[in-house]
Amino acid sequence: MVPFNIQIDHGNDKITLTIVPKEDYYIIVYFGSILGAIRKMGLDWILLQQEEIDPGPLKHFDHKLNSEATQISLGIHEINLIAGEIENHLVNQ
């Protein structure tokens, strides 16, 4: 699959994320770096541990190096928003 962009609401901001599909999970890229990755398990989406992610040429996101970026963490709310956008993208392909 080909990477694609999604937008989610985060506080008062609308954040654009790039989703990089892998074999059985999706890498979430923010400002050119890996924010995290999620995998669908049954009806649920789970956040992967950093060591479970094959980063390829990408580095893991560091807010200190990206001062223009909105502070974002991948909590349950953000994971659900991202998962919903991924599912919408897959249905509309």
PDB file of N, CA and C in Angstrom:
ATOM      1  N   MET A   1       0.829  -1.184   0.000  1.00  0.00           N
ATOM      2  CA  MET A   1       0.000   0.000   0.000  1.00  0.00           C
ATOM      3  C   MET A   1       0.875   1.249   0.000  1.00  0.00           C
ATOM      4  N   VAL A   2       0.274   2.328  -0.418  1.00  0.00           N
ATOM      5  CA  VAL A   2       0.973   3.599  -0.560  1.00  0.00           C
ATOM      6  C   VAL A   2       0.674   4.484   0.655  1.00  0.00           C
ATOM      7  N   PRO A   3       1.663   5.230   1.148  1.00  0.00           N
ATOM      8  CA  PRO A   3       1.394   6.165   2.246  1.00  0.00           C
ATOM      9  C   PRO A   3       0.304   7.163   1.862  1.00  0.00           C
ATOM     10  N   PHE A   4      -0.435   7.625   2.873  1.00  0.00           N
ATOM     11  CA  PHE A   4      -1.497   8.600   2.643  1.00  0.00           C
ATOM     12  C   PHE A   4      -1.582   9.539   3.837  1.00  0.00           C
ATOM     13  N   ASN A   5      -2.191  10.700   3.627  1.00  0.00           N
ATOM     14  CA  ASN A   5      -2.326  11.700   4.685  1.00  0.00           C
ATOM     15  C   ASN A   5      -3.731  11.680   5.266  1.00  0.00           C
ATOM     16  N   ILE A   6      -3.799  11.958   6.562  1.00  0.00           N
ATOM     17  CA  ILE A   6      -5.077  12.132   7.246  1.00  0.00           C
ATOM     18  C   ILE A   6      -4.980  13.409   8.067  1.00  0.00           C
ATOM     19  N   GLN A   7      -6.124  13.908   8.496  1.00  0.00           N
ATOM     20  CA  GLN A   7      -6.152  15.039   9.426  1.00  0.00           C
ATOM     21  C   GLN A   7      -7.005  14.652  10.617  1.00  0.00           C
ATOM     22  N   ILE A   8      -6.538  15.045  11.799  1.00  0.00           N
ATOM     23  CA  ILE A   8      -7.324  14.839  13.012  1.00  0.00           C
ATOM     24  C   ILE A   8      -7.392  16.151  13.776  1.00  0.00           C
ATOM     25  N   ASP A   9      -8.459  16.305  14.548  1.00  0.00           N
ATOM     26  CA  ASP A   9      -8.571  17.449  15.448  1.00  0.00           C
ATOM     27  C   ASP A   9      -7.825  17.114  16.725  1.00  0.00           C
ATOM     28  N   HIS A  10      -7.017  18.059  17.175  1.00  0.00           N
ATOM     29  CA  HIS A  10      -6.263  17.881  18.418  1.00  0.00           C
ATOM     30  C   HIS A  10      -6.328  19.201  19.169  1.00  0.00           C
ATOM     31  N   GLY A  11      -7.190  19.256  20.176  1.00  0.00           N
ATOM     32  CA  GLY A  11      -7.422  20.521  20.863  1.00  0.00           C
ATOM     33  C   GLY A  11      -8.033  21.496  19.886  1.00  0.00           C
ATOM     34  N   ASN A  12      -7.440  22.665  19.758  1.00  0.00           N
ATOM     35  CA  ASN A  12      -7.920  23.670  18.809  1.00  0.00           C
ATOM     36  C   ASN A  12      -7.222  23.577  17.454  1.00  0.00           C
ATOM     37  N   ASP A  13      -6.355  22.596  17.303  1.00  0.00           N
ATOM     38  CA  ASP A  13      -5.571  22.454  16.077  1.00  0.00           C
ATOM     39  C   ASP A  13      -6.077  21.304  15.218  1.00  0.00           C
ATOM     40  N   LYS A  14      -5.856  21.433  13.921  1.00  0.00           N
ATOM     41  CA  LYS A  14      -6.075  20.333  12.983  1.00  0.00           C
ATOM     42  C   LYS A  14      -4.680  19.880  12.567  1.00  0.00           C
ATOM     43  N   ILE A  15      -4.383  18.622  12.814  1.00  0.00           N
ATOM     44  CA  ILE A  15      -3.044  18.096  12.588  1.00  0.00           C
ATOM     45  C   ILE A  15      -3.055  17.141  11.400  1.00  0.00           C
ATOM     46  N   THR A  16      -2.093  17.310  10.511  1.00  0.00           N
ATOM     47  CA  THR A  16      -1.935  16.403   9.379  1.00  0.00           C
ATOM     48  C   THR A  16      -0.887  15.356   9.732  1.00  0.00           C
ATOM     49  N   LEU A  17      -1.252  14.107   9.537  1.00  0.00           N
ATOM     50  CA  LEU A  17      -0.360  12.983   9.786  1.00  0.00           C
ATOM     51  C   LEU A  17      -0.232  12.176   8.500  1.00  0.00           C
ATOM     52  N   THR A  18       0.923  11.601   8.287  1.00  0.00           N
ATOM     53  CA  THR A  18       1.107  10.678   7.171  1.00  0.00           C
ATOM     54  C   THR A  18       1.052   9.267   7.732  1.00  0.00           C
ATOM     55  N   ILE A  19       0.283   8.424   7.071  1.00  0.00           N
ATOM     56  CA  ILE A  19       0.143   7.034   7.487  1.00  0.00           C
ATOM     57  C   ILE A  19       0.916   6.173   6.494  1.00  0.00           C
ATOM     58  N   VAL A  20       1.848   5.377   7.020  1.00  0.00           N
ATOM     59  CA  VAL A  20       2.659   4.490   6.188  1.00  0.00           C
ATOM     60  C   VAL A  20       2.227   3.053   6.479  1.00  0.00           C
ATOM     61  N   PRO A  21       1.490   2.441   5.549  1.00  0.00           N
ATOM     62  CA  PRO A  21       1.045   1.061   5.771  1.00  0.00           C
ATOM     63  C   PRO A  21       2.222   0.087   5.729  1.00  0.00           C
ATOM     64  N   LYS A  22       2.250  -0.816   6.680  1.00  0.00           N
ATOM     65  CA  LYS A  22       3.201  -1.928   6.697  1.00  0.00           C
ATOM     66  C   LYS A  22       2.382  -3.207   6.558  1.00  0.00           C
ATOM     67  N   GLU A  23       3.022  -4.354   6.668  1.00  0.00           N
ATOM     68  CA  GLU A  23       2.329  -5.626   6.461  1.00  0.00           C
ATOM     69  C   GLU A  23       1.126  -5.794   7.387  1.00  0.00           C
ATOM     70  N   ASP A  24       1.292  -5.519   8.669  1.00  0.00           N
ATOM     71  CA  ASP A  24       0.168  -5.723   9.594  1.00  0.00           C
ATOM     72  C   ASP A  24       0.000  -4.582  10.602  1.00  0.00           C
ATOM     73  N   TYR A  25       0.556  -3.420  10.285  1.00  0.00           N
ATOM     74  CA  TYR A  25       0.372  -2.246  11.140  1.00  0.00           C
ATOM     75  C   TYR A  25       0.565  -0.982  10.313  1.00  0.00           C
ATOM     76  N   TYR A  26       0.295   0.158  10.938  1.00  0.00           N
ATOM     77  CA  TYR A  26       0.385   1.453  10.260  1.00  0.00           C
ATOM     78  C   TYR A  26       1.292   2.372  11.064  1.00  0.00           C
ATOM     79  N   ILE A  27       2.327   2.891  10.411  1.00  0.00           N
ATOM     80  CA  ILE A  27       3.216   3.856  11.055  1.00  0.00           C
ATOM     81  C   ILE A  27       2.583   5.237  10.927  1.00  0.00           C
ATOM     82  N   ILE A  28       2.619   5.992  12.020  1.00  0.00           N
ATOM     83  CA  ILE A  28       2.071   7.347  12.062  1.00  0.00           C
ATOM     84  C   ILE A  28       3.248   8.317  12.028  1.00  0.00           C
ATOM     85  N   VAL A  29       3.307   9.115  10.963  1.00  0.00           N
ATOM     86  CA  VAL A  29       4.429  10.036  10.754  1.00  0.00           C
ATOM     87  C   VAL A  29       3.941  11.467  10.948  1.00  0.00           C
ATOM     88  N   TYR A  30       4.711  12.235  11.713  1.00  0.00           N
ATOM     89  CA  TYR A  30       4.390  13.626  12.015  1.00  0.00           C
ATOM     90  C   TYR A  30       5.661  14.444  11.853  1.00  0.00           C
ATOM     91  N   PHE A  31       5.621  15.474  11.028  1.00  0.00           N
ATOM     92  CA  PHE A  31       6.792  16.313  10.740  1.00  0.00           C
ATOM     93  C   PHE A  31       7.978  15.467  10.287  1.00  0.00           C
ATOM     94  N   GLY A  32       7.717  14.448   9.464  1.00  0.00           N
ATOM     95  CA  GLY A  32       8.769  13.631   8.882  1.00  0.00           C
ATOM     96  C   GLY A  32       9.393  12.606   9.801  1.00  0.00           C
ATOM     97  N   SER A  33       8.841  12.437  11.008  1.00  0.00           N
ATOM     98  CA  SER A  33       9.376  11.478  11.971  1.00  0.00           C
ATOM     99  C   SER A  33       8.258  10.583  12.498  1.00  0.00           C
ATOM    100  N   ILE A  34       8.639   9.431  13.019  1.00  0.00           N
ATOM    101  CA  ILE A  34       7.659   8.466  13.517  1.00  0.00           C
ATOM    102  C   ILE A  34       7.119   8.904  14.872  1.00  0.00           C
ATOM    103  N   LEU A  35       5.805   9.110  14.915  1.00  0.00           N
ATOM    104  CA  LEU A  35       5.129   9.421  16.172  1.00  0.00           C
ATOM    105  C   LEU A  35       4.775   8.130  16.901  1.00  0.00           C
ATOM    106  N   GLY A  36       4.470   7.085  16.140  1.00  0.00           N
ATOM    107  CA  GLY A  36       4.106   5.789  16.703  1.00  0.00           C
ATOM    108  C   GLY A  36       3.559   4.900  15.608  1.00  0.00           C
ATOM    109  N   ALA A  37       2.965   3.778  16.012  1.00  0.00           N
ATOM    110  CA  ALA A  37       2.348   2.867  15.047  1.00  0.00           C
ATOM    111  C   ALA A  37       1.201   2.149  15.735  1.00  0.00           C
ATOM    112  N   ILE A  38       0.178   1.830  14.946  1.00  0.00           N
ATOM    113  CA  ILE A  38      -0.973   1.110  15.489  1.00  0.00           C
ATOM    114  C   ILE A  38      -1.282  -0.110  14.625  1.00  0.00           C
ATOM    115  N   ARG A  39      -1.892  -1.104  15.276  1.00  0.00           N
ATOM    116  CA  ARG A  39      -2.264  -2.353  14.614  1.00  0.00           C
ATOM    117  C   ARG A  39      -3.701  -2.677  14.989  1.00  0.00           C
ATOM    118  N   LYS A  40      -4.456  -3.185  14.024  1.00  0.00           N
ATOM    119  CA  LYS A  40      -5.830  -3.599  14.297  1.00  0.00           C
ATOM    120  C   LYS A  40      -5.812  -5.033  14.815  1.00  0.00           C
ATOM    121  N   MET A  41      -6.440  -5.226  15.975  1.00  0.00           N
ATOM    122  CA  MET A  41      -6.550  -6.550  16.589  1.00  0.00           C
ATOM    123  C   MET A  41      -8.031  -6.800  16.835  1.00  0.00           C
ATOM    124  N   GLY A  42      -8.665  -7.555  15.959  1.00  0.00           N
ATOM    125  CA  GLY A  42     -10.109  -7.752  16.062  1.00  0.00           C
ATOM    126  C   GLY A  42     -10.803  -6.443  15.750  1.00  0.00           C
ATOM    127  N   LEU A  43     -11.603  -5.957  16.687  1.00  0.00           N
ATOM    128  CA  LEU A  43     -12.285  -4.676  16.505  1.00  0.00           C
ATOM    129  C   LEU A  43     -11.500  -3.508  17.090  1.00  0.00           C
ATOM    130  N   ASP A  44     -10.433  -3.812  17.825  1.00  0.00           N
ATOM    131  CA  ASP A  44      -9.660  -2.785  18.521  1.00  0.00           C
ATOM    132  C   ASP A  44      -8.378  -2.437  17.769  1.00  0.00           C
ATOM    133  N   TRP A  45      -7.902  -1.239  18.026  1.00  0.00           N
ATOM    134  CA  TRP A  45      -6.611  -0.794  17.519  1.00  0.00           C
ATOM    135  C   TRP A  45      -5.686  -0.629  18.712  1.00  0.00           C
ATOM    136  N   ILE A  46      -4.464  -1.141  18.602  1.00  0.00           N
ATOM    137  CA  ILE A  46      -3.514  -1.042  19.710  1.00  0.00           C
ATOM    138  C   ILE A  46      -2.270  -0.271  19.267  1.00  0.00           C
ATOM    139  N   LEU A  47      -1.686   0.422  20.220  1.00  0.00           N
ATOM    140  CA  LEU A  47      -0.443   1.151  19.996  1.00  0.00           C
ATOM    141  C   LEU A  47       0.721   0.181  20.151  1.00  0.00           C
ATOM    142  N   LEU A  48       1.612   0.163  19.179  1.00  0.00           N
ATOM    143  CA  LEU A  48       2.773  -0.720  19.241  1.00  0.00           C
ATOM    144  C   LEU A  48       3.874  -0.099  20.090  1.00  0.00           C
ATOM    145  N   GLN A  49       4.686  -0.952  20.663  1.00  0.00           N
ATOM    146  CA  GLN A  49       5.871  -0.500  21.375  1.00  0.00           C
ATOM    147  C   GLN A  49       6.909  -0.065  20.340  1.00  0.00           C
ATOM    148  N   GLN A  50       7.754   0.860  20.708  1.00  0.00           N
ATOM    149  CA  GLN A  50       8.751   1.399  19.781  1.00  0.00           C
ATOM    150  C   GLN A  50       9.599   0.291  19.155  1.00  0.00           C
ATOM    151  N   GLU A  51       9.963  -0.724  19.943  1.00  0.00           N
ATOM    152  CA  GLU A  51      10.822  -1.794  19.416  1.00  0.00           C
ATOM    153  C   GLU A  51      10.093  -2.722  18.434  1.00  0.00           C
ATOM    154  N   GLU A  52       8.769  -2.625  18.353  1.00  0.00           N
ATOM    155  CA  GLU A  52       7.995  -3.428  17.400  1.00  0.00           C
ATOM    156  C   GLU A  52       7.905  -2.765  16.025  1.00  0.00           C
ATOM    157  N   ILE A  53       8.353  -1.529  15.919  1.00  0.00           N
ATOM    158  CA  ILE A  53       8.215  -0.746  14.689  1.00  0.00           C
ATOM    159  C   ILE A  53       9.504  -0.819  13.881  1.00  0.00           C
ATOM    160  N   ASP A  54       9.378  -1.189  12.602  1.00  0.00           N
ATOM    161  CA  ASP A  54      10.512  -1.132  11.685  1.00  0.00           C
ATOM    162  C   ASP A  54      10.539   0.279  11.103  1.00  0.00           C
ATOM    163  N   PRO A  55      11.448   1.137  11.563  1.00  0.00           N
ATOM    164  CA  PRO A  55      11.417   2.541  11.155  1.00  0.00           C
ATOM    165  C   PRO A  55      11.896   2.801   9.730  1.00  0.00           C
ATOM    166  N   GLY A  56      12.603   1.844   9.133  1.00  0.00           N
ATOM    167  CA  GLY A  56      13.176   2.115   7.815  1.00  0.00           C
ATOM    168  C   GLY A  56      14.075   3.336   7.927  1.00  0.00           C
ATOM    169  N   PRO A  57      13.975   4.281   6.992  1.00  0.00           N
ATOM    170  CA  PRO A  57      14.848   5.456   7.025  1.00  0.00           C
ATOM    171  C   PRO A  57      14.369   6.553   7.986  1.00  0.00           C
ATOM    172  N   LEU A  58      13.197   6.373   8.602  1.00  0.00           N
ATOM    173  CA  LEU A  58      12.640   7.416   9.466  1.00  0.00           C
ATOM    174  C   LEU A  58      13.191   7.341  10.879  1.00  0.00           C
ATOM    175  N   LYS A  59      13.235   8.478  11.529  1.00  0.00           N
ATOM    176  CA  LYS A  59      13.627   8.554  12.940  1.00  0.00           C
ATOM    177  C   LYS A  59      12.368   8.716  13.781  1.00  0.00           C
ATOM    178  N   HIS A  60      12.474   8.416  15.065  1.00  0.00           N
ATOM    179  CA  HIS A  60      11.345   8.624  15.966  1.00  0.00           C
ATOM    180  C   HIS A  60      11.224  10.107  16.293  1.00  0.00           C
ATOM    181  N   PHE A  61       9.989  10.560  16.431  1.00  0.00           N
ATOM    182  CA  PHE A  61       9.684  11.973  16.635  1.00  0.00           C
ATOM    183  C   PHE A  61      10.224  12.468  17.973  1.00  0.00           C
ATOM    184  N   ASP A  62      10.799  13.671  17.968  1.00  0.00           N
ATOM    185  CA  ASP A  62      11.289  14.325  19.182  1.00  0.00           C
ATOM    186  C   ASP A  62      10.797  15.769  19.162  1.00  0.00           C
ATOM    187  N   HIS A  63       9.887  16.113  20.094  1.00  0.00           N
ATOM    188  CA  HIS A  63       9.331  17.473  20.130  1.00  0.00           C
ATOM    189  C   HIS A  63      10.421  18.532  20.268  1.00  0.00           C
ATOM    190  N   LYS A  64      11.515  18.206  20.926  1.00  0.00           N
ATOM    191  CA  LYS A  64      12.589  19.179  21.123  1.00  0.00           C
ATOM    192  C   LYS A  64      13.227  19.588  19.792  1.00  0.00           C
ATOM    193  N   LEU A  65      13.186  18.684  18.814  1.00  0.00           N
ATOM    194  CA  LEU A  65      13.785  18.974  17.511  1.00  0.00           C
ATOM    195  C   LEU A  65      12.791  19.591  16.540  1.00  0.00           C
ATOM    196  N   ASN A  66      11.516  19.634  16.926  1.00  0.00           N
ATOM    197  CA  ASN A  66      10.458  20.142  16.050  1.00  0.00           C
ATOM    198  C   ASN A  66       9.630  21.175  16.804  1.00  0.00           C
ATOM    199  N   SER A  67      10.205  22.332  17.053  1.00  0.00           N
ATOM    200  CA  SER A  67       9.536  23.342  17.877  1.00  0.00           C
ATOM    201  C   SER A  67       8.272  23.894  17.230  1.00  0.00           C
ATOM    202  N   GLU A  68       8.131  23.787  15.906  1.00  0.00           N
ATOM    203  CA  GLU A  68       6.931  24.275  15.224  1.00  0.00           C
ATOM    204  C   GLU A  68       5.762  23.308  15.374  1.00  0.00           C
ATOM    205  N   ALA A  69       6.043  22.086  15.741  1.00  0.00           N
ATOM    206  CA  ALA A  69       5.011  21.051  15.807  1.00  0.00           C
ATOM    207  C   ALA A  69       4.144  21.212  17.050  1.00  0.00           C
ATOM    208  N   THR A  70       2.861  20.964  16.880  1.00  0.00           N
ATOM    209  CA  THR A  70       1.941  20.933  18.012  1.00  0.00           C
ATOM    210  C   THR A  70       2.299  19.742  18.887  1.00  0.00           C
ATOM    211  N   GLN A  71       2.287  19.935  20.190  1.00  0.00           N
ATOM    212  CA  GLN A  71       2.551  18.828  21.106  1.00  0.00           C
ATOM    213  C   GLN A  71       1.427  17.808  20.980  1.00  0.00           C
ATOM    214  N   ILE A  72       1.753  16.579  20.677  1.00  0.00           N
ATOM    215  CA  ILE A  72       0.756  15.525  20.547  1.00  0.00           C
ATOM    216  C   ILE A  72       1.318  14.235  21.124  1.00  0.00           C
ATOM    217  N   SER A  73       0.478  13.517  21.823  1.00  0.00           N
ATOM    218  CA  SER A  73       0.839  12.189  22.290  1.00  0.00           C
ATOM    219  C   SER A  73      -0.254  11.239  21.827  1.00  0.00           C
ATOM    220  N   LEU A  74       0.075   9.988  21.727  1.00  0.00           N
ATOM    221  CA  LEU A  74      -0.881   9.007  21.231  1.00  0.00           C
ATOM    222  C   LEU A  74      -1.593   8.329  22.396  1.00  0.00           C
ATOM    223  N   GLY A  75      -2.644   8.987  22.875  1.00  0.00           N
ATOM    224  CA  GLY A  75      -3.509   8.402  23.887  1.00  0.00           C
ATOM    225  C   GLY A  75      -4.668   7.690  23.212  1.00  0.00           C
ATOM    226  N   ILE A  76      -5.565   7.162  24.002  1.00  0.00           N
ATOM    227  CA  ILE A  76      -6.716   6.426  23.470  1.00  0.00           C
ATOM    228  C   ILE A  76      -7.521   7.283  22.506  1.00  0.00           C
ATOM    229  N   HIS A  77      -7.747   8.545  22.852  1.00  0.00           N
ATOM    230  CA  HIS A  77      -8.536   9.429  21.996  1.00  0.00           C
ATOM    231  C   HIS A  77      -7.879   9.598  20.624  1.00  0.00           C
ATOM    232  N   GLU A  78      -6.585   9.890  20.620  1.00  0.00           N
ATOM    233  CA  GLU A  78      -5.868  10.089  19.360  1.00  0.00           C
ATOM    234  C   GLU A  78      -5.821   8.797  18.540  1.00  0.00           C
ATOM    235  N   ILE A  79      -5.591   7.676  19.201  1.00  0.00           N
ATOM    236  CA  ILE A  79      -5.563   6.389  18.497  1.00  0.00           C
ATOM    237  C   ILE A  79      -6.907   6.117  17.836  1.00  0.00           C
ATOM    238  N   ASN A  80      -7.999   6.382  18.547  1.00  0.00           N
ATOM    239  CA  ASN A  80      -9.329   6.164  17.970  1.00  0.00           C
ATOM    240  C   ASN A  80      -9.582   7.081  16.776  1.00  0.00           C
ATOM    241  N   LEU A  81      -9.170   8.346  16.872  1.00  0.00           N
ATOM    242  CA  LEU A  81      -9.330   9.265  15.740  1.00  0.00           C
ATOM    243  C   LEU A  81      -8.527   8.793  14.529  1.00  0.00           C
ATOM    244  N   ILE A  82      -7.285   8.424  14.768  1.00  0.00           N
ATOM    245  CA  ILE A  82      -6.411   7.975  13.680  1.00  0.00           C
ATOM    246  C   ILE A  82      -6.948   6.680  13.068  1.00  0.00           C
ATOM    247  N   ALA A  83      -7.352   5.741  13.915  1.00  0.00           N
ATOM    248  CA  ALA A  83      -7.902   4.472  13.423  1.00  0.00           C
ATOM    249  C   ALA A  83      -9.139   4.713  12.564  1.00  0.00           C
ATOM    250  N   GLY A  84     -10.005   5.617  12.994  1.00  0.00           N
ATOM    251  CA  GLY A  84     -11.199   5.941  12.215  1.00  0.00           C
ATOM    252  C   GLY A  84     -10.849   6.508  10.856  1.00  0.00           C
ATOM    253  N   GLU A  85      -9.847   7.381  10.806  1.00  0.00           N
ATOM    254  CA  GLU A  85      -9.423   7.959   9.530  1.00  0.00           C
ATOM    255  C   GLU A  85      -8.783   6.902   8.621  1.00  0.00           C
ATOM    256  N   ILE A  86      -8.023   5.983   9.209  1.00  0.00           N
ATOM    257  CA  ILE A  86      -7.440   4.895   8.412  1.00  0.00           C
ATOM    258  C   ILE A  86      -8.554   4.028   7.828  1.00  0.00           C
ATOM    259  N   GLU A  87      -9.526   3.664   8.660  1.00  0.00           N
ATOM    260  CA  GLU A  87     -10.638   2.837   8.182  1.00  0.00           C
ATOM    261  C   GLU A  87     -11.421   3.549   7.083  1.00  0.00           C
ATOM    262  N   ASN A  88     -11.668   4.850   7.242  1.00  0.00           N
ATOM    263  CA  ASN A  88     -12.357   5.621   6.196  1.00  0.00           C
ATOM    264  C   ASN A  88     -11.563   5.609   4.896  1.00  0.00           C
ATOM    265  N   HIS A  89     -10.264   5.778   5.009  1.00  0.00           N
ATOM    266  CA  HIS A  89      -9.411   5.772   3.812  1.00  0.00           C
ATOM    267  C   HIS A  89      -9.484   4.418   3.101  1.00  0.00           C
ATOM    268  N   LEU A  90      -9.412   3.334   3.865  1.00  0.00           N
ATOM    269  CA  LEU A  90      -9.431   2.000   3.265  1.00  0.00           C
ATOM    270  C   LEU A  90     -10.761   1.708   2.584  1.00  0.00           C
ATOM    271  N   VAL A  91     -11.864   2.163   3.171  1.00  0.00           N
ATOM    272  CA  VAL A  91     -13.192   1.950   2.587  1.00  0.00           C
ATOM    273  C   VAL A  91     -13.341   2.735   1.292  1.00  0.00           C
ATOM    274  N   ASN A  92     -12.769   3.932   1.244  1.00  0.00           N
ATOM    275  CA  ASN A  92     -12.932   4.817   0.088  1.00  0.00           C
ATOM    276  C   ASN A  92     -11.912   4.588  -1.020  1.00  0.00           C
ATOM    277  N   GLN A  93     -11.070   3.588  -0.882  1.00  0.00           N
ATOM    278  CA  GLN A  93     -10.064   3.324  -1.923  1.00  0.00           C
ATOM    279  C   GLN A  93     -10.693   2.655  -3.104  1.00  0.00           C
TER     280      GLN A  93
END
